[in-house]
Amino acid sequence: MEDEAWRSVEVVRNNKGEPHVLQQKVSVYTAGVTEESSGYTKPEMQHRLVPLKSLVELDG
């Protein structure tokens, strides 16, 4: 079974100094019948930048 996910690679700041997370797309291959079975991931060439505040909820 194959699925897709995003792996966070690094935190970077844009030109305004706002933190963003650089993420890389990975293909996820499961080795067993259930979703909890061990498997492996394969990095893909697609990347994206996501604002850190959209991934983390901060108590303020």
C-alpha atoms as a PDB file:
ATOM      1  CA  MET A   1       0.000   0.000   0.000  1.00  0.00           C
ATOM      2  CA  GLU A   2       1.280   3.496  -0.874  1.00  0.00           C
ATOM      3  CA  ASP A   3       0.322   6.814   0.715  1.00  0.00           C
ATOM      4  CA  GLU A   4       1.681  10.370   0.756  1.00  0.00           C
ATOM      5  CA  ALA A   5       2.850  12.536   3.650  1.00  0.00           C
ATOM      6  CA  TRP A   6       4.951  15.633   4.337  1.00  0.00           C
ATOM      7  CA  ARG A   7       8.161  15.518   6.391  1.00  0.00           C
ATOM      8  CA  SER A   8       9.369  18.703   8.090  1.00  0.00           C
ATOM      9  CA  VAL A   9      12.966  19.373   7.078  1.00  0.00           C
ATOM     10  CA  GLU A  10      13.973  22.752   8.499  1.00  0.00           C
ATOM     11  CA  VAL A  11      12.622  25.985   9.967  1.00  0.00           C
ATOM     12  CA  VAL A  12      13.493  29.043   7.860  1.00  0.00           C
ATOM     13  CA  ARG A  13      12.516  32.708   7.996  1.00  0.00           C
ATOM     14  CA  ASN A  14      11.034  34.636   5.081  1.00  0.00           C
ATOM     15  CA  ASN A  15      12.061  38.214   4.109  1.00  0.00           C
ATOM     16  CA  LYS A  16       9.849  39.618   6.893  1.00  0.00           C
ATOM     17  CA  GLY A  17      11.507  37.411   9.529  1.00  0.00           C
ATOM     18  CA  GLU A  18       8.453  35.173   9.965  1.00  0.00           C
ATOM     19  CA  PRO A  19       9.289  31.505  10.672  1.00  0.00           C
ATOM     20  CA  HIS A  20       8.205  28.945   8.078  1.00  0.00           C
ATOM     21  CA  VAL A  21       8.706  25.188   7.936  1.00  0.00           C
ATOM     22  CA  LEU A  22      10.304  23.687   4.829  1.00  0.00           C
ATOM     23  CA  GLN A  23       8.588  20.367   4.162  1.00  0.00           C
ATOM     24  CA  GLN A  24       9.422  17.584   1.709  1.00  0.00           C
ATOM     25  CA  LYS A  25       6.832  15.246   0.246  1.00  0.00           C
ATOM     26  CA  VAL A  26       7.424  11.539   0.922  1.00  0.00           C
ATOM     27  CA  SER A  27       5.757   8.391  -0.370  1.00  0.00           C
ATOM     28  CA  VAL A  28       4.895   6.008   2.457  1.00  0.00           C
ATOM     29  CA  TYR A  29       4.894   2.276   1.777  1.00  0.00           C
ATOM     30  CA  THR A  30       3.428  -0.069   4.381  1.00  0.00           C
ATOM     31  CA  ALA A  31       4.752  -3.592   4.611  1.00  0.00           C
ATOM     32  CA  GLY A  32       1.802  -5.234   6.321  1.00  0.00           C
ATOM     33  CA  VAL A  33      -1.948  -5.468   6.281  1.00  0.00           C
ATOM     34  CA  THR A  34      -2.695  -2.833   8.938  1.00  0.00           C
ATOM     35  CA  GLU A  35      -1.798   0.866   8.922  1.00  0.00           C
ATOM     36  CA  GLU A  36       0.327   0.355  12.044  1.00  0.00           C
ATOM     37  CA  SER A  37       2.640  -2.099  10.275  1.00  0.00           C
ATOM     38  CA  SER A  38       6.217  -1.009   9.790  1.00  0.00           C
ATOM     39  CA  GLY A  39       7.160   0.206   6.351  1.00  0.00           C
ATOM     40  CA  TYR A  40       9.434   2.736   4.691  1.00  0.00           C
ATOM     41  CA  THR A  41       9.342   6.197   3.136  1.00  0.00           C
ATOM     42  CA  LYS A  42      10.789   7.455  -0.129  1.00  0.00           C
ATOM     43  CA  PRO A  43      11.633  11.183  -0.458  1.00  0.00           C
ATOM     44  CA  GLU A  44      10.097  12.979  -3.443  1.00  0.00           C
ATOM     45  CA  MET A  45      11.330  16.137  -5.208  1.00  0.00           C
ATOM     46  CA  GLN A  46       8.314  18.268  -4.225  1.00  0.00           C
ATOM     47  CA  HIS A  47       8.783  20.792  -1.394  1.00  0.00           C
ATOM     48  CA  ARG A  48       6.609  23.451   0.232  1.00  0.00           C
ATOM     49  CA  LEU A  49       6.912  26.271   2.782  1.00  0.00           C
ATOM     50  CA  VAL A  50       4.280  26.361   5.508  1.00  0.00           C
ATOM     51  CA  PRO A  51       3.910  29.178   8.069  1.00  0.00           C
ATOM     52  CA  LEU A  52       4.981  27.854  11.471  1.00  0.00           C
ATOM     53  CA  LYS A  53       1.955  29.413  13.186  1.00  0.00           C
ATOM     54  CA  SER A  54      -0.380  27.283  11.036  1.00  0.00           C
ATOM     55  CA  LEU A  55       1.312  24.094  12.318  1.00  0.00           C
ATOM     56  CA  VAL A  56       1.735  24.992  16.005  1.00  0.00           C
ATOM     57  CA  GLU A  57      -0.864  26.305  18.408  1.00  0.00           C
ATOM     58  CA  LEU A  58       0.729  28.694  20.903  1.00  0.00           C
ATOM     59  CA  ASP A  59      -0.896  29.638  24.212  1.00  0.00           C
ATOM     60  CA  GLY A  60      -0.585  33.349  24.512  1.00  0.00           C
END
